């Protein structure tokens, strides 16, 4: 039997032991000894061995409440009276510790905004929310919430708005998957500092502008489906001087046309004056 189970006491058992121990004291028993036992009792009740990390439990409870679960997947499989490491989509570092390592919630039909409470999963390194119906923006403080992420997969959802530049602050991020959403704006230039990034995909969004130089090593397929995205490995961005040249050209044409009109009017007036003089 796991040591965590041996150490874990429910409220009734712990209370029984506490009362028995209290009765065993005679009136000469020192208050210090009793206080030590009471402190031990409180520590045992709050120990992470009893119910896993309290923060991790709080993380999962908050997440469950914050999302819409039409299929009832989380409601039916996340029973908080049991070990959280047995929950669907939850992977732990070690079963006895019950500290969440990965959340793989792909293809569960989940809806709503980006899940809340993830900052309480303080050891989380993998977050996979792909193939759901999450919408709204990606949190601008995602790096503060999940500082140790090495893999983030938000693909095949309905996330919108700009890609938060703060993602570049995820110092351990190796894999970033954002395809098939409705993300707009430019790819943050700050992504150039993400030295650990080995997998990257933003295909089929509404992105525009130049691809940062550091990301041009990834294949064209990872940027495809963004008509206004440009530079290697896609087509070159239009030169900024092109519009200016067109303006100059248009001004030259207008100037030439104006000069022609002025010349024509002047010639006509001179002809009219000459005719009047002859008469």
Protein backbone atom coordinates (compact mmCIF):
# COMPACT_ATOMS: atom_id res chain seq x y z
CA UNK A 1 0.00 0.00 0.00
CA UNK A 2 1.40 3.45 -0.90
CA UNK A 3 2.86 5.40 1.98
CA UNK A 4 0.48 8.26 1.21
CA UNK A 5 -2.49 5.98 1.90
CA UNK A 6 -0.97 4.75 5.16
CA UNK A 7 -0.37 8.29 6.37
CA UNK A 8 -3.69 9.69 5.23
CA UNK A 9 -6.35 9.88 7.93
CA UNK A 10 -9.92 10.98 7.46
CA UNK A 11 -11.51 13.41 9.85
CA UNK A 12 -13.29 10.80 11.97
CA UNK A 13 -10.17 8.67 12.52
CA UNK A 14 -7.98 11.66 13.31
CA UNK A 15 -10.55 13.08 15.73
CA UNK A 16 -10.86 9.72 17.50
CA UNK A 17 -7.11 9.46 18.00
CA UNK A 18 -6.97 13.06 19.19
CA UNK A 19 -9.70 12.55 21.83
CA UNK A 20 -8.18 9.28 23.02
CA UNK A 21 -4.79 10.90 23.38
CA UNK A 22 -6.32 13.84 25.26
CA UNK A 23 -8.08 11.54 27.75
CA UNK A 24 -4.86 9.66 28.37
CA UNK A 25 -3.31 12.83 29.80
CA UNK A 26 -3.66 13.26 33.55
CA UNK A 27 -3.97 16.65 35.11
CA UNK A 28 -0.22 16.69 35.73
CA UNK A 29 0.53 16.45 32.04
CA UNK A 30 2.34 19.52 30.83
CA UNK A 31 0.61 21.91 28.50
CA UNK A 32 3.70 21.84 26.25
CA UNK A 33 3.40 18.13 25.52
CA UNK A 34 -0.26 18.47 24.71
CA UNK A 35 0.45 21.46 22.46
CA UNK A 36 3.05 19.47 20.55
CA UNK A 37 0.55 16.71 19.88
CA UNK A 38 -2.07 19.24 18.79
CA UNK A 39 0.43 20.80 16.39
CA UNK A 40 1.26 17.34 15.01
CA UNK A 41 -2.46 16.74 14.55
CA UNK A 42 -2.92 19.97 12.58
CA UNK A 43 0.08 19.24 10.38
CA UNK A 44 -1.23 15.76 9.65
CA UNK A 45 -4.62 17.12 8.68
CA UNK A 46 -3.05 19.68 6.32
CA UNK A 47 -0.44 17.33 4.89
CA UNK A 48 -0.33 16.95 1.11
CA UNK A 49 -0.12 13.19 1.68
CA UNK A 50 -3.82 13.17 2.56
CA UNK A 51 -5.24 14.74 -0.55
CA UNK A 52 -2.32 15.63 -2.76
CA UNK A 53 -1.16 19.18 -3.18
CA UNK A 54 -3.90 21.53 -2.05
CA UNK A 55 -2.93 23.96 -4.79
CA UNK A 56 -3.19 21.28 -7.47
CA UNK A 57 -6.62 20.27 -6.21
CA UNK A 58 -7.64 23.92 -6.23
CA UNK A 59 -6.30 24.20 -9.78
CA UNK A 60 -8.46 21.37 -11.08
CA UNK A 61 -11.57 22.42 -9.18
CA UNK A 62 -11.30 25.98 -10.50
CA UNK A 63 -10.66 24.74 -14.03
CA UNK A 64 -13.67 22.44 -13.91
CA UNK A 65 -15.94 25.25 -12.76
CA UNK A 66 -14.64 27.73 -15.34
CA UNK A 67 -15.29 25.70 -18.50
CA UNK A 68 -18.46 24.52 -20.22
CA UNK A 69 -18.53 20.72 -20.37
CA UNK A 70 -21.43 19.70 -22.67
CA UNK A 71 -20.41 16.05 -22.75
CA UNK A 72 -19.92 15.87 -18.99
CA UNK A 73 -16.43 14.42 -19.40
CA UNK A 74 -14.88 16.29 -16.49
CA UNK A 75 -18.00 16.08 -14.36
CA UNK A 76 -18.14 12.30 -14.63
CA UNK A 77 -14.44 11.50 -14.34
CA UNK A 78 -13.10 14.14 -11.93
CA UNK A 79 -14.18 12.84 -8.53
CA UNK A 80 -12.34 14.84 -5.91
CA UNK A 81 -12.90 12.22 -3.24
CA UNK A 82 -10.29 10.09 -5.05
CA UNK A 83 -6.70 10.70 -6.11
CA UNK A 84 -6.46 13.45 -8.72
CA UNK A 85 -3.83 11.50 -10.67
CA UNK A 86 -6.58 9.09 -11.73
CA UNK A 87 -8.59 11.89 -13.40
CA UNK A 88 -9.11 11.78 -17.16
CA UNK A 89 -6.52 13.97 -18.86
CA UNK A 90 -4.39 14.45 -15.73
CA UNK A 91 -0.83 13.17 -15.47
CA UNK A 92 1.22 13.50 -12.29
CA UNK A 93 4.91 13.50 -11.53
CA UNK A 94 4.47 10.63 -9.08
CA UNK A 95 1.10 9.09 -8.11
CA UNK A 96 1.87 9.35 -4.39
CA UNK A 97 2.70 13.05 -4.60
CA UNK A 98 -0.32 14.05 -6.67
CA UNK A 99 1.39 17.03 -8.26
CA UNK A 100 0.03 17.69 -11.76
CA UNK A 101 2.63 17.35 -14.49
CA UNK A 102 0.42 17.51 -17.61
CA UNK A 103 -3.13 18.41 -18.53
CA UNK A 104 -4.19 16.71 -21.77
CA UNK A 105 -7.78 17.80 -22.35
CA UNK A 106 -7.85 17.38 -26.11
CA UNK A 107 -11.06 16.57 -27.99
CA UNK A 108 -13.39 16.71 -24.98
CA UNK A 109 -15.88 19.17 -26.47
CA UNK A 110 -15.02 21.79 -23.87
CA UNK A 111 -16.21 25.36 -24.41
CA UNK A 112 -15.83 28.82 -22.93
CA UNK A 113 -12.92 31.15 -22.29
CA UNK A 114 -9.35 30.09 -21.57
CA UNK A 115 -9.58 27.91 -18.41
CA UNK A 116 -9.08 29.59 -15.06
CA UNK A 117 -7.10 28.38 -12.07
CA UNK A 118 -4.14 26.99 -13.98
CA UNK A 119 -1.72 29.12 -11.96
CA UNK A 120 -2.39 26.78 -9.01
CA UNK A 121 -0.93 23.84 -10.94
CA UNK A 122 2.52 25.09 -10.02
CA UNK A 123 4.41 22.15 -11.55
CA UNK A 124 2.58 22.02 -14.88
CA UNK A 125 4.83 21.54 -17.92
CA UNK A 126 2.33 20.40 -20.58
CA UNK A 127 -1.02 21.98 -21.45
CA UNK A 128 -3.04 20.50 -24.32
CA UNK A 129 -6.44 22.11 -24.99
CA UNK A 130 -6.55 21.19 -28.67
CA UNK A 131 -9.65 20.18 -30.64
CA UNK A 132 -12.19 21.87 -28.38
CA UNK A 133 -14.34 24.98 -28.73
CA UNK A 134 -12.51 27.44 -26.51
CA UNK A 135 -12.88 31.06 -27.57
CA UNK A 136 -11.81 34.55 -26.58
CA UNK A 137 -8.25 35.72 -26.14
CA UNK A 138 -5.17 33.92 -24.91
CA UNK A 139 -4.28 35.44 -21.49
CA UNK A 140 -1.68 38.18 -21.72
CA UNK A 141 -0.14 36.93 -18.47
CA UNK A 142 0.10 33.30 -19.52
CA UNK A 143 3.82 33.25 -18.70
CA UNK A 144 3.07 34.30 -15.13
CA UNK A 145 0.38 31.65 -14.77
CA UNK A 146 2.39 28.80 -16.28
CA UNK A 147 6.09 29.68 -16.01
CA UNK A 148 7.40 26.12 -16.46
CA UNK A 149 5.49 25.11 -19.60
CA UNK A 150 7.51 23.17 -22.15
CA UNK A 151 4.56 22.35 -24.43
CA UNK A 152 1.46 24.46 -25.22
CA UNK A 153 -1.16 23.21 -27.68
CA UNK A 154 -4.19 25.42 -28.32
CA UNK A 155 -4.82 24.23 -31.88
CA UNK A 156 -8.25 23.68 -33.44
CA UNK A 157 -10.20 26.07 -31.22
CA UNK A 158 -11.76 29.51 -31.78
CA UNK A 159 -9.23 31.68 -29.94
CA UNK A 160 -9.13 35.23 -31.29
CA UNK A 161 -7.21 38.45 -30.83
CA UNK A 162 -3.47 38.87 -31.01
CA UNK A 163 -0.86 36.35 -29.94
CA UNK A 164 0.41 37.60 -26.55
CA UNK A 165 4.05 38.72 -26.72
CA UNK A 166 4.39 37.40 -23.15
CA UNK A 167 4.51 33.85 -24.53
CA UNK A 168 8.14 34.64 -25.31
CA UNK A 169 8.73 34.75 -21.54
CA UNK A 170 8.03 31.02 -21.29
CA UNK A 171 11.73 30.21 -20.95
CA UNK A 172 11.29 26.41 -21.14
CA UNK A 173 8.85 26.27 -24.04
CA UNK A 174 9.80 23.73 -26.72
CA UNK A 175 6.49 23.24 -28.55
CA UNK A 176 3.94 25.91 -29.47
CA UNK A 177 0.88 24.91 -31.51
CA UNK A 178 -1.72 27.57 -32.40
CA UNK A 179 -3.14 26.51 -35.81
CA UNK A 180 -6.80 26.59 -36.81
CA UNK A 181 -7.92 29.48 -34.64
CA UNK A 182 -8.92 33.08 -35.45
CA UNK A 183 -5.79 34.80 -34.19
CA UNK A 184 -5.00 38.14 -35.84
CA UNK A 185 -2.27 40.75 -35.92
CA UNK A 186 1.42 40.06 -36.30
CA UNK A 187 3.54 37.28 -34.88
CA UNK A 188 5.34 38.96 -31.96
CA UNK A 189 8.91 39.87 -32.76
CA UNK A 190 9.83 38.83 -29.23
CA UNK A 191 9.51 35.19 -30.32
CA UNK A 192 13.02 35.57 -31.71
CA UNK A 193 14.44 35.11 -28.21
CA UNK A 194 12.82 31.70 -27.70
CA UNK A 195 15.97 29.65 -28.11
CA UNK A 196 14.40 26.37 -26.94
CA UNK A 197 11.54 26.45 -29.45
CA UNK A 198 11.77 23.36 -31.68
CA UNK A 199 8.14 22.99 -32.85
CA UNK A 200 5.97 25.89 -34.00
CA UNK A 201 2.70 26.15 -35.91
CA UNK A 202 0.33 29.07 -36.54
CA UNK A 203 -1.28 27.88 -39.78
CA UNK A 204 -4.84 28.81 -40.74
CA UNK A 205 -5.36 31.96 -38.72
CA UNK A 206 -5.79 35.64 -39.67
CA UNK A 207 -2.20 36.69 -39.08
CA UNK A 208 -0.48 39.40 -41.10
CA UNK A 209 2.87 41.10 -41.53
CA UNK A 210 6.41 39.74 -41.67
CA UNK A 211 7.51 36.47 -40.11
CA UNK A 212 10.21 37.12 -37.47
CA UNK A 213 13.65 36.12 -38.69
CA UNK A 214 14.21 33.54 -35.93
CA UNK A 215 11.05 31.67 -36.98
CA UNK A 216 11.89 31.49 -40.67
CA UNK A 217 13.62 28.15 -40.06
CA UNK A 218 10.23 26.44 -39.75
CA UNK A 219 8.55 25.05 -42.90
CA UNK A 220 6.05 27.05 -44.94
CA UNK A 221 3.24 24.70 -43.90
CA UNK A 222 3.42 26.04 -40.34
CA UNK A 223 2.48 29.52 -41.61
CA UNK A 224 0.07 28.55 -44.44
CA UNK A 225 -3.50 29.80 -44.49
CA UNK A 226 -2.62 33.34 -43.38
CA UNK A 227 -3.03 35.32 -46.64
CA UNK A 228 -1.42 38.50 -45.29
CA UNK A 229 1.56 36.80 -43.67
CA UNK A 230 4.80 37.26 -45.59
CA UNK A 231 8.58 36.78 -45.74
CA UNK A 232 10.49 33.51 -45.68
CA UNK A 233 9.51 30.78 -45.90
CA UNK A 234 6.50 32.40 -47.63
CA UNK A 235 6.53 35.10 -50.32
CA UNK A 236 8.45 38.28 -49.69
CA UNK A 237 6.63 41.17 -48.11
CA UNK A 238 5.87 44.07 -50.49
CA UNK A 239 8.57 46.73 -50.41
CA UNK A 240 7.60 49.74 -48.37
CA UNK A 241 8.78 52.07 -51.15
CA UNK A 242 6.30 50.70 -53.68
CA UNK A 243 3.42 52.79 -52.41
CA UNK A 244 5.56 55.91 -52.38
CA UNK A 245 6.64 55.31 -55.96
CA UNK A 246 3.04 54.92 -57.04
CA UNK A 247 2.18 58.20 -55.35
CA UNK A 248 5.07 59.97 -57.09
CA UNK A 249 4.07 58.46 -60.42
CA UNK A 250 0.47 59.55 -59.93
CA UNK A 251 1.59 63.05 -59.01
CA UNK A 252 3.73 63.21 -62.17
CA UNK A 253 0.80 62.17 -64.34
CA UNK A 254 -1.45 64.72 -62.68
CA UNK A 255 1.22 67.40 -63.12
CA UNK A 256 1.68 66.59 -66.77
CA UNK A 257 -2.04 66.64 -67.36
CA UNK A 258 -2.38 69.97 -65.57
CA UNK A 259 0.46 71.41 -67.65
CA UNK A 260 -1.20 70.26 -70.84
CA UNK A 261 -4.47 71.90 -69.85
CA UNK A 262 -2.77 75.17 -68.90
CA UNK A 263 -0.83 75.15 -72.19
CA UNK A 264 -3.92 74.44 -74.19
CA UNK A 265 -5.86 77.25 -72.49
CA UNK A 266 -3.00 79.69 -73.00
CA UNK A 267 -2.70 78.79 -76.72
CA UNK A 268 -6.42 79.15 -77.15
CA UNK A 269 -6.43 82.57 -75.54
CA UNK A 270 -3.54 83.75 -77.70
CA UNK A 271 -5.36 82.56 -80.81
CA UNK A 272 -8.48 84.40 -79.76
CA UNK A 273 -6.51 87.59 -79.15
CA UNK A 274 -4.86 87.34 -82.58
CA UNK A 275 -8.17 86.88 -84.29
CA UNK A 276 -9.62 89.94 -82.54
CA UNK A 277 -6.61 92.04 -83.62
CA UNK A 278 -7.05 91.08 -87.31
CA UNK A 279 -10.64 92.11 -87.19
